[in-house]
Amino acid sequence: MILPTLRQLQFLVALGETGSFSRAAEACHVTQPTLSAGIKELEDLFGVSLAERESRGATLTHAGEIAVARASALLADAHALVQSVTSAGALFSGSFQLGAIPTIAPFVLPQIVGLLTRQYPDLKLYLTEDRTQRLIDQLRARTLDAAFIALPWEAPGIEVMTLFDDEFLLAAPAGHPLSRKNGLSPDDLEDQDLLLLEDGHCLREHSLSACRLKPGPGREQVAATSLGTLVNMVAGGLGVSLIPRLAADHGLPIGSDVAIRPFVTPVIGRQIGIAWKAGSPREAEARRIGEIVSAEFASRRAAAE
C-alpha cells in the first residue's frame, strides 16, 4: 500500500485552512504548481476528488474535509514526535520559526533575539516578517511556530497571549497647530488629513477604531506602505498620523520636522500579543517568548518613567 507523505498532507491542510491554492502555497513556502501537483497526487492516491477548483479559490469536497481532519491530527502527532525527540524535554533546543508583523518586527525582534540566544544557546531562531493574515495562515500550516501580532484580531484555531498595551501618539508636522495644542484628544483629528498605512495593514484599522474615525475620501487617496514612509509623509506636510509608542520609543527614525505628542487621555490603540496554533507542541516555548518580551518591555518602560 502506498501511503501519502507528510508534505502532501501539509499541502492539503493548508488548502483547507486558506481556501486558496495561492495562499496555501505561500503558507507552505512552495510555488503554486508544486502545491497543486501535491494535491493531485493525493487525489490519484485516494481515487477521489479532494477540492473543487474555482475562479476565486478552492472548496473542499466531503472527502477532502474528512481527509483534512485526519491529516491535521497526523501532522500534529508528527510535530509532537519531532519536538519531543529533538528537545528531550528541554525548551528551545532545536529550531524555532518566529514571525512578526511589520509594525512590530523592527521594534521587538532585535531586542529579544539576543535575550533568547543567550538563555538558550542551542536555539536556532528563524525570523519571518509578514502581514497578519499571512502569518496566521503559516501558523495554521505549521510552517511558523509562533508570531507577534497586534490585537484585537479574530482567528479561529489560533491561541494568543497578550503581552502589553501599545499607546497611540499623534505625529504632526513641526509647527502644526496640533503640535502645540493643550489637552489633545482624538476629536481633534476629525477635520484633519489623517495619513494611514495602506489597506491590508492591521494598524490602519486599529488607528481608525481607536479614534472612532471612518475612512473618508481624503484618507483613501494617500496611504503609506510602512511606518517609516508614514513619518516621512508627515514631515512633508501631507497631514497628521498616529504612531504606536512601541515604534516611537524603539527605533523608528523621527526627525525634528515631526512632532510626537501624547493625547491627554492615553489612547490604547492596540495590544501586542504572541500567537500560536491551538494544540501546537511549541505552545510552552511560545509562552516563554511572550514572558521574556513582556518582562523586557515592562522594565524598559519603568526605566523611562
C-alpha atoms as a PDB file:
ATOM      1  CA  MET A   1       0.000   0.000   0.000  1.00  0.00           C
ATOM      2  CA  ILE A   2       1.338   3.427  -0.974  1.00  0.00           C
ATOM      3  CA  LEU A   3       0.871   5.997   1.793  1.00  0.00           C
ATOM      4  CA  PRO A   4       0.688   9.787   1.415  1.00  0.00           C
ATOM      5  CA  THR A   5       3.686  11.795   2.522  1.00  0.00           C
ATOM      6  CA  LEU A   6       3.525  14.300   5.362  1.00  0.00           C
ATOM      7  CA  ARG A   7       4.359  17.069   2.882  1.00  0.00           C
ATOM      8  CA  GLN A   8       1.360  16.164   0.735  1.00  0.00           C
ATOM      9  CA  LEU A   9      -0.840  16.190   3.821  1.00  0.00           C
ATOM     10  CA  GLN A  10       0.579  19.564   4.815  1.00  0.00           C
ATOM     11  CA  PHE A  11      -0.392  20.922   1.389  1.00  0.00           C
ATOM     12  CA  LEU A  12      -3.932  19.610   1.808  1.00  0.00           C
ATOM     13  CA  VAL A  13      -4.373  21.026   5.319  1.00  0.00           C
ATOM     14  CA  ALA A  14      -3.065  24.428   4.184  1.00  0.00           C
ATOM     15  CA  LEU A  15      -5.512  24.394   1.272  1.00  0.00           C
ATOM     16  CA  GLY A  16      -8.371  23.558   3.593  1.00  0.00           C
ATOM     17  CA  GLU A  17      -7.453  26.320   6.020  1.00  0.00           C
ATOM     18  CA  THR A  18      -6.847  29.064   3.442  1.00  0.00           C
ATOM     19  CA  GLY A  19      -9.375  28.122   0.756  1.00  0.00           C
ATOM     20  CA  SER A  20      -6.877  29.232  -1.846  1.00  0.00           C
ATOM     21  CA  PHE A  21      -4.160  27.425  -3.810  1.00  0.00           C
ATOM     22  CA  SER A  22      -2.014  30.577  -3.926  1.00  0.00           C
ATOM     23  CA  ARG A  23      -2.299  31.347  -0.210  1.00  0.00           C
ATOM     24  CA  ALA A  24      -1.757  27.704   0.699  1.00  0.00           C
ATOM     25  CA  ALA A  25       1.403  27.691  -1.426  1.00  0.00           C
ATOM     26  CA  GLU A  26       2.627  30.856   0.345  1.00  0.00           C
ATOM     27  CA  ALA A  27       1.942  29.313   3.741  1.00  0.00           C
ATOM     28  CA  CYS A  28       3.917  26.187   2.770  1.00  0.00           C
ATOM     29  CA  HIS A  29       6.723  28.207   1.126  1.00  0.00           C
ATOM     30  CA  VAL A  30       6.339  26.452  -2.232  1.00  0.00           C
ATOM     31  CA  THR A  31       5.174  27.512  -5.667  1.00  0.00           C
ATOM     32  CA  GLN A  32       1.525  27.118  -6.578  1.00  0.00           C
ATOM     33  CA  PRO A  33       2.279  24.485  -9.261  1.00  0.00           C
ATOM     34  CA  THR A  34       4.183  22.440  -6.668  1.00  0.00           C
ATOM     35  CA  LEU A  35       1.264  22.560  -4.248  1.00  0.00           C
ATOM     36  CA  SER A  36      -1.266  21.784  -6.978  1.00  0.00           C
ATOM     37  CA  ALA A  37       0.815  18.788  -8.056  1.00  0.00           C
ATOM     38  CA  GLY A  38       0.915  17.536  -4.479  1.00  0.00           C
ATOM     39  CA  ILE A  39      -2.867  17.779  -4.140  1.00  0.00           C
ATOM     40  CA  LYS A  40      -3.306  15.994  -7.486  1.00  0.00           C
ATOM     41  CA  GLU A  41      -1.004  13.183  -6.302  1.00  0.00           C
ATOM     42  CA  LEU A  42      -3.171  12.770  -3.203  1.00  0.00           C
ATOM     43  CA  GLU A  43      -6.326  12.642  -5.310  1.00  0.00           C
ATOM     44  CA  ASP A  44      -4.783   9.988  -7.541  1.00  0.00           C
ATOM     45  CA  LEU A  45      -3.700   8.023  -4.481  1.00  0.00           C
ATOM     46  CA  PHE A  46      -7.117   8.188  -2.809  1.00  0.00           C
ATOM     47  CA  GLY A  47      -9.051   7.847  -6.040  1.00  0.00           C
ATOM     48  CA  VAL A  48     -11.384  10.731  -5.167  1.00  0.00           C
ATOM     49  CA  SER A  49     -11.561  14.480  -5.729  1.00  0.00           C
ATOM     50  CA  LEU A  50     -10.471  16.417  -2.646  1.00  0.00           C
ATOM     51  CA  ALA A  51     -11.038  20.009  -3.763  1.00  0.00           C
ATOM     52  CA  GLU A  52     -13.178  21.829  -6.274  1.00  0.00           C
ATOM     53  CA  ARG A  53     -11.129  24.433  -8.082  1.00  0.00           C
ATOM     54  CA  GLU A  54     -12.958  27.737  -8.511  1.00  0.00           C
ATOM     55  CA  SER A  55     -12.112  31.110 -10.008  1.00  0.00           C
ATOM     56  CA  ARG A  56     -11.770  32.717  -6.571  1.00  0.00           C
ATOM     57  CA  GLY A  57     -10.245  29.852  -4.670  1.00  0.00           C
ATOM     58  CA  ALA A  58     -10.971  26.277  -3.775  1.00  0.00           C
ATOM     59  CA  THR A  59     -13.639  24.413  -1.815  1.00  0.00           C
ATOM     60  CA  LEU A  60     -13.052  21.042  -0.190  1.00  0.00           C
ATOM     61  CA  THR A  61     -15.272  18.165  -1.184  1.00  0.00           C
ATOM     62  CA  HIS A  62     -16.798  15.979   1.519  1.00  0.00           C
ATOM     63  CA  ALA A  63     -13.920  13.545   1.066  1.00  0.00           C
ATOM     64  CA  GLY A  64     -11.498  16.448   1.262  1.00  0.00           C
ATOM     65  CA  GLU A  65     -12.980  17.624   4.578  1.00  0.00           C
ATOM     66  CA  ILE A  66     -12.586  14.144   6.047  1.00  0.00           C
ATOM     67  CA  ALA A  67      -9.018  13.958   4.752  1.00  0.00           C
ATOM     68  CA  VAL A  68      -8.109  17.375   6.201  1.00  0.00           C
ATOM     69  CA  ALA A  69      -9.454  16.457   9.635  1.00  0.00           C
ATOM     70  CA  ARG A  70      -7.451  13.240   9.760  1.00  0.00           C
ATOM     71  CA  ALA A  71      -4.384  14.838   8.156  1.00  0.00           C
ATOM     72  CA  SER A  72      -4.384  17.655  10.750  1.00  0.00           C
ATOM     73  CA  ALA A  73      -4.303  15.087  13.534  1.00  0.00           C
ATOM     74  CA  LEU A  74      -1.492  13.162  11.848  1.00  0.00           C
ATOM     75  CA  LEU A  75       0.571  16.311  11.321  1.00  0.00           C
ATOM     76  CA  ALA A  76       0.063  17.341  14.941  1.00  0.00           C
ATOM     77  CA  ASP A  77       1.311  13.930  16.049  1.00  0.00           C
ATOM     78  CA  ALA A  78       4.284  14.162  13.698  1.00  0.00           C
ATOM     79  CA  HIS A  79       5.233  17.604  15.006  1.00  0.00           C
ATOM     80  CA  ALA A  80       4.864  16.411  18.579  1.00  0.00           C
ATOM     81  CA  LEU A  81       7.083  13.422  17.778  1.00  0.00           C
ATOM     82  CA  VAL A  82       9.836  15.576  16.283  1.00  0.00           C
ATOM     83  CA  GLN A  83       9.629  18.094  19.105  1.00  0.00           C
ATOM     84  CA  SER A  84       9.721  15.512  21.863  1.00  0.00           C
ATOM     85  CA  VAL A  85      12.667  13.641  20.353  1.00  0.00           C
ATOM     86  CA  THR A  86      14.778  16.670  19.415  1.00  0.00           C
ATOM     87  CA  SER A  87      14.172  18.638  22.573  1.00  0.00           C
ATOM     88  CA  ALA A  88      14.212  15.706  25.006  1.00  0.00           C
ATOM     89  CA  GLY A  89      12.233  17.825  27.441  1.00  0.00           C
ATOM     90  CA  ALA A  90      14.323  20.999  27.078  1.00  0.00           C
ATOM     91  CA  LEU A  91      12.923  24.252  25.732  1.00  0.00           C
ATOM     92  CA  PHE A  92      14.423  25.739  22.561  1.00  0.00           C
ATOM     93  CA  SER A  93      16.937  23.011  21.864  1.00  0.00           C
ATOM     94  CA  GLY A  94      16.127  22.901  18.151  1.00  0.00           C
ATOM     95  CA  SER A  95      14.895  25.327  15.501  1.00  0.00           C
ATOM     96  CA  PHE A  96      12.034  27.736  16.122  1.00  0.00           C
ATOM     97  CA  GLN A  97      10.172  29.649  13.409  1.00  0.00           C
ATOM     98  CA  LEU A  98       9.065  33.053  14.736  1.00  0.00           C
ATOM     99  CA  GLY A  99       7.072  35.643  12.795  1.00  0.00           C
ATOM    100  CA  ALA A 100       6.025  39.253  13.355  1.00  0.00           C
ATOM    101  CA  ILE A 101       4.015  41.887  11.527  1.00  0.00           C
ATOM    102  CA  PRO A 102       5.944  44.852  10.010  1.00  0.00           C
ATOM    103  CA  THR A 103       4.722  47.343  12.654  1.00  0.00           C
ATOM    104  CA  ILE A 104       6.129  45.130  15.422  1.00  0.00           C
ATOM    105  CA  ALA A 105       9.102  43.260  13.942  1.00  0.00           C
ATOM    106  CA  PRO A 106      11.734  46.076  13.832  1.00  0.00           C
ATOM    107  CA  PHE A 107      10.944  47.173  17.391  1.00  0.00           C
ATOM    108  CA  VAL A 108      10.647  43.807  19.157  1.00  0.00           C
ATOM    109  CA  LEU A 109      12.719  41.199  17.333  1.00  0.00           C
ATOM    110  CA  PRO A 110      16.155  42.883  17.705  1.00  0.00           C
ATOM    111  CA  GLN A 111      15.623  43.160  21.467  1.00  0.00           C
ATOM    112  CA  ILE A 112      14.611  39.552  22.047  1.00  0.00           C
ATOM    113  CA  VAL A 113      16.914  37.692  19.664  1.00  0.00           C
ATOM    114  CA  GLY A 114      19.912  38.342  21.871  1.00  0.00           C
ATOM    115  CA  LEU A 115      17.999  37.518  25.045  1.00  0.00           C
ATOM    116  CA  LEU A 116      16.752  34.221  23.650  1.00  0.00           C
ATOM    117  CA  THR A 117      20.028  33.070  22.180  1.00  0.00           C
ATOM    118  CA  ARG A 118      21.898  33.898  25.396  1.00  0.00           C
ATOM    119  CA  GLN A 119      19.412  31.992  27.536  1.00  0.00           C
ATOM    120  CA  TYR A 120      19.068  29.110  25.083  1.00  0.00           C
ATOM    121  CA  PRO A 121      22.402  28.649  23.260  1.00  0.00           C
ATOM    122  CA  ASP A 122      21.153  25.575  21.375  1.00  0.00           C
ATOM    123  CA  LEU A 123      18.264  27.521  19.844  1.00  0.00           C
ATOM    124  CA  LYS A 124      18.213  28.066  16.079  1.00  0.00           C
ATOM    125  CA  LEU A 125      15.854  31.001  15.601  1.00  0.00           C
ATOM    126  CA  TYR A 126      14.384  31.737  12.160  1.00  0.00           C
ATOM    127  CA  LEU A 127      12.513  35.020  11.669  1.00  0.00           C
ATOM    128  CA  THR A 128       9.716  35.945   9.269  1.00  0.00           C
ATOM    129  CA  GLU A 129       8.094  39.365   8.734  1.00  0.00           C
ATOM    130  CA  ASP A 130       4.689  39.492   7.054  1.00  0.00           C
ATOM    131  CA  ARG A 131       1.154  40.816   7.376  1.00  0.00           C
ATOM    132  CA  THR A 132      -1.158  39.352   9.991  1.00  0.00           C
ATOM    133  CA  GLN A 133      -3.321  37.099   7.824  1.00  0.00           C
ATOM    134  CA  ARG A 134      -0.324  35.555   6.114  1.00  0.00           C
ATOM    135  CA  LEU A 135       1.287  34.849   9.472  1.00  0.00           C
ATOM    136  CA  ILE A 136      -1.956  33.258  10.676  1.00  0.00           C
ATOM    137  CA  ASP A 137      -2.034  31.072   7.561  1.00  0.00           C
ATOM    138  CA  GLN A 138       1.526  29.956   8.264  1.00  0.00           C
ATOM    139  CA  LEU A 139       0.713  29.189  11.893  1.00  0.00           C
ATOM    140  CA  ARG A 140      -2.177  27.027  10.742  1.00  0.00           C
ATOM    141  CA  ALA A 141       0.028  25.278   8.212  1.00  0.00           C
ATOM    142  CA  ARG A 142       2.667  24.809  10.949  1.00  0.00           C
ATOM    143  CA  THR A 143       5.371  26.498   8.894  1.00  0.00           C
ATOM    144  CA  LEU A 144       5.568  29.026  11.743  1.00  0.00           C
ATOM    145  CA  ASP A 145       5.716  28.098  15.422  1.00  0.00           C
ATOM    146  CA  ALA A 146       4.622  31.476  16.811  1.00  0.00           C
ATOM    147  CA  ALA A 147       4.103  35.058  15.668  1.00  0.00           C
ATOM    148  CA  PHE A 148       3.857  38.523  17.177  1.00  0.00           C
ATOM    149  CA  ILE A 149       0.609  40.176  16.092  1.00  0.00           C
ATOM    150  CA  ALA A 150      -1.437  43.219  17.066  1.00  0.00           C
ATOM    151  CA  LEU A 151      -4.720  42.694  18.868  1.00  0.00           C
ATOM    152  CA  PRO A 152      -7.638  42.587  18.597  1.00  0.00           C
ATOM    153  CA  TRP A 153      -7.569  40.050  15.779  1.00  0.00           C
ATOM    154  CA  GLU A 154     -10.014  37.161  15.496  1.00  0.00           C
ATOM    155  CA  ALA A 155      -8.559  33.927  14.128  1.00  0.00           C
ATOM    156  CA  PRO A 156     -10.331  30.602  14.794  1.00  0.00           C
ATOM    157  CA  GLY A 157      -7.959  27.854  15.850  1.00  0.00           C
ATOM    158  CA  ILE A 158      -5.290  30.335  16.967  1.00  0.00           C
ATOM    159  CA  GLU A 159      -4.441  30.986  20.616  1.00  0.00           C
ATOM    160  CA  VAL A 160      -2.948  34.272  21.792  1.00  0.00           C
ATOM    161  CA  MET A 161      -1.075  35.509  24.841  1.00  0.00           C
ATOM    162  CA  THR A 162      -1.472  39.269  25.389  1.00  0.00           C
ATOM    163  CA  LEU A 163       1.848  40.907  26.295  1.00  0.00           C
ATOM    164  CA  PHE A 164       1.316  44.649  26.732  1.00  0.00           C
ATOM    165  CA  ASP A 165      -0.757  47.649  25.647  1.00  0.00           C
ATOM    166  CA  ASP A 166       0.550  49.915  22.910  1.00  0.00           C
ATOM    167  CA  GLU A 167      -0.427  53.561  23.151  1.00  0.00           C
ATOM    168  CA  PHE A 168      -1.003  55.641  20.005  1.00  0.00           C
ATOM    169  CA  LEU A 169       0.717  59.026  19.725  1.00  0.00           C
ATOM    170  CA  LEU A 170      -0.010  61.919  17.388  1.00  0.00           C
ATOM    171  CA  ALA A 171       2.584  62.625  14.707  1.00  0.00           C
ATOM    172  CA  ALA A 172       2.249  66.091  13.180  1.00  0.00           C
ATOM    173  CA  PRO A 173       4.480  68.395  11.135  1.00  0.00           C
ATOM    174  CA  ALA A 174       6.591  70.642  13.364  1.00  0.00           C
ATOM    175  CA  GLY A 175       4.687  73.904  13.776  1.00  0.00           C
ATOM    176  CA  HIS A 176       1.292  72.312  13.074  1.00  0.00           C
ATOM    177  CA  PRO A 177      -1.452  73.725  15.380  1.00  0.00           C
ATOM    178  CA  LEU A 178      -1.985  70.302  16.964  1.00  0.00           C
ATOM    179  CA  SER A 179       1.707  70.081  17.835  1.00  0.00           C
ATOM    180  CA  ARG A 180       1.166  72.918  20.342  1.00  0.00           C
ATOM    181  CA  LYS A 181      -2.408  72.237  21.475  1.00  0.00           C
ATOM    182  CA  ASN A 182      -3.009  71.567  25.153  1.00  0.00           C
ATOM    183  CA  GLY A 183      -5.485  68.845  26.079  1.00  0.00           C
ATOM    184  CA  LEU A 184      -5.068  66.947  22.822  1.00  0.00           C
ATOM    185  CA  SER A 185      -7.865  64.444  22.145  1.00  0.00           C
ATOM    186  CA  PRO A 186      -8.891  62.131  19.274  1.00  0.00           C
ATOM    187  CA  ASP A 187     -11.734  64.541  18.472  1.00  0.00           C
ATOM    188  CA  ASP A 188      -9.101  66.993  17.245  1.00  0.00           C
ATOM    189  CA  LEU A 189      -8.382  64.645  14.321  1.00  0.00           C
ATOM    190  CA  GLU A 190     -11.898  64.777  12.899  1.00  0.00           C
ATOM    191  CA  ASP A 191     -11.184  67.572  10.405  1.00  0.00           C
ATOM    192  CA  GLN A 192      -7.538  66.707   9.788  1.00  0.00           C
ATOM    193  CA  ASP A 193      -5.911  64.966   6.834  1.00  0.00           C
ATOM    194  CA  LEU A 194      -5.191  61.704   8.635  1.00  0.00           C
ATOM    195  CA  LEU A 195      -2.451  59.668   6.978  1.00  0.00           C
ATOM    196  CA  LEU A 196      -2.722  55.890   7.310  1.00  0.00           C
ATOM    197  CA  LEU A 197      -0.960  52.753   6.197  1.00  0.00           C
ATOM    198  CA  GLU A 198      -2.348  51.164   3.064  1.00  0.00           C
ATOM    199  CA  ASP A 199      -5.276  48.769   3.198  1.00  0.00           C
ATOM    200  CA  GLY A 200      -4.288  45.341   4.498  1.00  0.00           C
ATOM    201  CA  HIS A 201      -2.221  46.590   7.448  1.00  0.00           C
ATOM    202  CA  CYS A 202      -3.998  45.992  10.755  1.00  0.00           C
ATOM    203  CA  LEU A 203      -2.533  49.246  12.126  1.00  0.00           C
ATOM    204  CA  ARG A 204      -4.795  51.112   9.702  1.00  0.00           C
ATOM    205  CA  GLU A 205      -7.964  49.593  11.177  1.00  0.00           C
ATOM    206  CA  HIS A 206      -6.691  49.918  14.749  1.00  0.00           C
ATOM    207  CA  SER A 207      -5.975  53.625  14.150  1.00  0.00           C
ATOM    208  CA  LEU A 208      -9.441  54.317  12.810  1.00  0.00           C
ATOM    209  CA  SER A 209     -11.075  52.315  15.578  1.00  0.00           C
ATOM    210  CA  ALA A 210      -9.050  53.869  18.399  1.00  0.00           C
ATOM    211  CA  CYS A 211     -10.076  57.382  17.387  1.00  0.00           C
ATOM    212  CA  ARG A 212     -13.600  56.421  16.309  1.00  0.00           C
ATOM    213  CA  LEU A 213     -12.961  57.706  12.787  1.00  0.00           C
ATOM    214  CA  LYS A 214     -14.326  56.498   9.476  1.00  0.00           C
ATOM    215  CA  PRO A 215     -12.324  56.234   6.262  1.00  0.00           C
ATOM    216  CA  GLY A 216     -13.052  59.264   4.105  1.00  0.00           C
ATOM    217  CA  PRO A 217     -12.249  60.282   0.536  1.00  0.00           C
ATOM    218  CA  GLY A 218      -9.167  62.198   1.621  1.00  0.00           C
ATOM    219  CA  ARG A 219      -7.930  59.245   3.618  1.00  0.00           C
ATOM    220  CA  GLU A 220      -8.185  56.896   0.686  1.00  0.00           C
ATOM    221  CA  GLN A 221      -6.047  58.957  -1.697  1.00  0.00           C
ATOM    222  CA  VAL A 222      -2.753  58.839   0.187  1.00  0.00           C
ATOM    223  CA  ALA A 223      -1.551  55.748   2.046  1.00  0.00           C
ATOM    224  CA  ALA A 224       1.866  54.589   3.211  1.00  0.00           C
ATOM    225  CA  THR A 225       3.464  51.178   2.862  1.00  0.00           C
ATOM    226  CA  SER A 226       5.423  51.378   6.129  1.00  0.00           C
ATOM    227  CA  LEU A 227       5.720  53.389   9.337  1.00  0.00           C
ATOM    228  CA  GLY A 228       8.920  54.977   8.042  1.00  0.00           C
ATOM    229  CA  THR A 229       7.126  56.202   4.930  1.00  0.00           C
ATOM    230  CA  LEU A 230       4.260  57.430   7.090  1.00  0.00           C
ATOM    231  CA  VAL A 231       6.625  59.585   9.171  1.00  0.00           C
ATOM    232  CA  ASN A 232       8.220  60.984   6.002  1.00  0.00           C
ATOM    233  CA  MET A 233       4.778  61.918   4.666  1.00  0.00           C
ATOM    234  CA  VAL A 234       4.016  63.744   7.920  1.00  0.00           C
ATOM    235  CA  ALA A 235       7.375  65.530   7.706  1.00  0.00           C
ATOM    236  CA  GLY A 236       6.459  66.583   4.165  1.00  0.00           C
ATOM    237  CA  GLY A 237       3.344  68.337   5.432  1.00  0.00           C
ATOM    238  CA  LEU A 238       0.838  65.951   3.848  1.00  0.00           C
ATOM    239  CA  GLY A 239      -1.114  65.523   7.075  1.00  0.00           C
ATOM    240  CA  VAL A 240      -1.020  64.058  10.562  1.00  0.00           C
ATOM    241  CA  SER A 241      -0.905  60.454  11.682  1.00  0.00           C
ATOM    242  CA  LEU A 242      -0.950  58.051  14.616  1.00  0.00           C
ATOM    243  CA  ILE A 243       2.256  56.281  15.617  1.00  0.00           C
ATOM    244  CA  PRO A 244       2.468  53.385  18.097  1.00  0.00           C
ATOM    245  CA  ARG A 245       4.545  54.234  21.168  1.00  0.00           C
ATOM    246  CA  LEU A 246       6.335  50.921  20.629  1.00  0.00           C
ATOM    247  CA  ALA A 247       7.728  52.287  17.368  1.00  0.00           C
ATOM    248  CA  ALA A 248       8.378  55.818  18.628  1.00  0.00           C
ATOM    249  CA  ASP A 249      10.352  54.555  21.634  1.00  0.00           C
ATOM    250  CA  HIS A 250      12.253  51.734  19.938  1.00  0.00           C
ATOM    251  CA  GLY A 251      13.974  52.788  16.767  1.00  0.00           C
ATOM    252  CA  LEU A 252      11.514  54.470  14.389  1.00  0.00           C
ATOM    253  CA  PRO A 253      13.545  57.368  12.911  1.00  0.00           C
ATOM    254  CA  ILE A 254      11.703  60.595  13.690  1.00  0.00           C
ATOM    255  CA  GLY A 255      13.387  63.868  12.744  1.00  0.00           C
ATOM    256  CA  SER A 256      12.993  67.342  14.202  1.00  0.00           C
ATOM    257  CA  ASP A 257      10.494  68.221  11.480  1.00  0.00           C
ATOM    258  CA  VAL A 258       7.928  65.875  13.070  1.00  0.00           C
ATOM    259  CA  ALA A 259       6.330  66.495  16.461  1.00  0.00           C
ATOM    260  CA  ILE A 260       5.228  63.493  18.525  1.00  0.00           C
ATOM    261  CA  ARG A 261       2.522  64.243  21.092  1.00  0.00           C
ATOM    262  CA  PRO A 262       0.544  62.061  23.506  1.00  0.00           C
ATOM    263  CA  PHE A 263      -3.179  62.532  23.965  1.00  0.00           C
ATOM    264  CA  VAL A 264      -4.285  63.948  27.322  1.00  0.00           C
ATOM    265  CA  THR A 265      -6.109  60.667  27.943  1.00  0.00           C
ATOM    266  CA  PRO A 266      -3.858  57.901  26.626  1.00  0.00           C
ATOM    267  CA  VAL A 267      -5.247  56.237  23.506  1.00  0.00           C
ATOM    268  CA  ILE A 268      -4.566  52.497  23.740  1.00  0.00           C
ATOM    269  CA  GLY A 269      -4.798  51.694  20.069  1.00  0.00           C
ATOM    270  CA  ARG A 270      -3.780  48.042  20.171  1.00  0.00           C
ATOM    271  CA  GLN A 271      -2.274  45.289  22.268  1.00  0.00           C
ATOM    272  CA  ILE A 272       0.837  43.334  21.384  1.00  0.00           C
ATOM    273  CA  GLY A 273       0.439  39.575  21.594  1.00  0.00           C
ATOM    274  CA  ILE A 274       2.113  36.337  20.609  1.00  0.00           C
ATOM    275  CA  ALA A 275       0.041  33.748  18.735  1.00  0.00           C
ATOM    276  CA  TRP A 276       0.346  30.032  18.009  1.00  0.00           C
ATOM    277  CA  LYS A 277      -1.856  27.305  16.597  1.00  0.00           C
ATOM    278  CA  ALA A 278      -4.163  25.693  19.138  1.00  0.00           C
ATOM    279  CA  GLY A 279      -2.717  22.361  20.200  1.00  0.00           C
ATOM    280  CA  SER A 280       0.764  23.206  18.988  1.00  0.00           C
ATOM    281  CA  PRO A 281       3.582  21.258  20.665  1.00  0.00           C
ATOM    282  CA  ARG A 282       5.519  24.561  20.730  1.00  0.00           C
ATOM    283  CA  GLU A 283       2.979  26.314  22.985  1.00  0.00           C
ATOM    284  CA  ALA A 284       5.260  26.265  26.045  1.00  0.00           C
ATOM    285  CA  GLU A 285       8.057  27.884  24.042  1.00  0.00           C
ATOM    286  CA  ALA A 286       5.702  30.496  22.558  1.00  0.00           C
ATOM    287  CA  ARG A 287       4.529  31.381  26.055  1.00  0.00           C
ATOM    288  CA  ARG A 288       8.121  31.578  27.269  1.00  0.00           C
ATOM    289  CA  ILE A 289       8.969  34.016  24.475  1.00  0.00           C
ATOM    290  CA  GLY A 290       5.908  36.030  25.461  1.00  0.00           C
ATOM    291  CA  GLU A 291       7.036  36.147  29.093  1.00  0.00           C
ATOM    292  CA  ILE A 292      10.505  37.330  28.067  1.00  0.00           C
ATOM    293  CA  VAL A 293       9.126  40.087  25.826  1.00  0.00           C
ATOM    294  CA  SER A 294       6.568  41.207  28.403  1.00  0.00           C
ATOM    295  CA  ALA A 295       9.196  41.450  31.147  1.00  0.00           C
ATOM    296  CA  GLU A 296      11.724  43.202  28.897  1.00  0.00           C
ATOM    297  CA  PHE A 297       9.350  45.917  27.750  1.00  0.00           C
ATOM    298  CA  ALA A 298       7.866  46.396  31.216  1.00  0.00           C
ATOM    299  CA  SER A 299      11.369  47.080  32.581  1.00  0.00           C
ATOM    300  CA  ARG A 300      12.161  49.435  29.717  1.00  0.00           C
ATOM    301  CA  ARG A 301       9.001  51.464  30.294  1.00  0.00           C
ATOM    302  CA  ALA A 302       9.590  51.567  34.043  1.00  0.00           C
ATOM    303  CA  ALA A 303      13.114  52.886  33.459  1.00  0.00           C
ATOM    304  CA  ALA A 304      11.784  55.580  31.106  1.00  0.00           C
ATOM    305  CA  GLU A 305       9.230  56.898  33.594  1.00  0.00           C
END
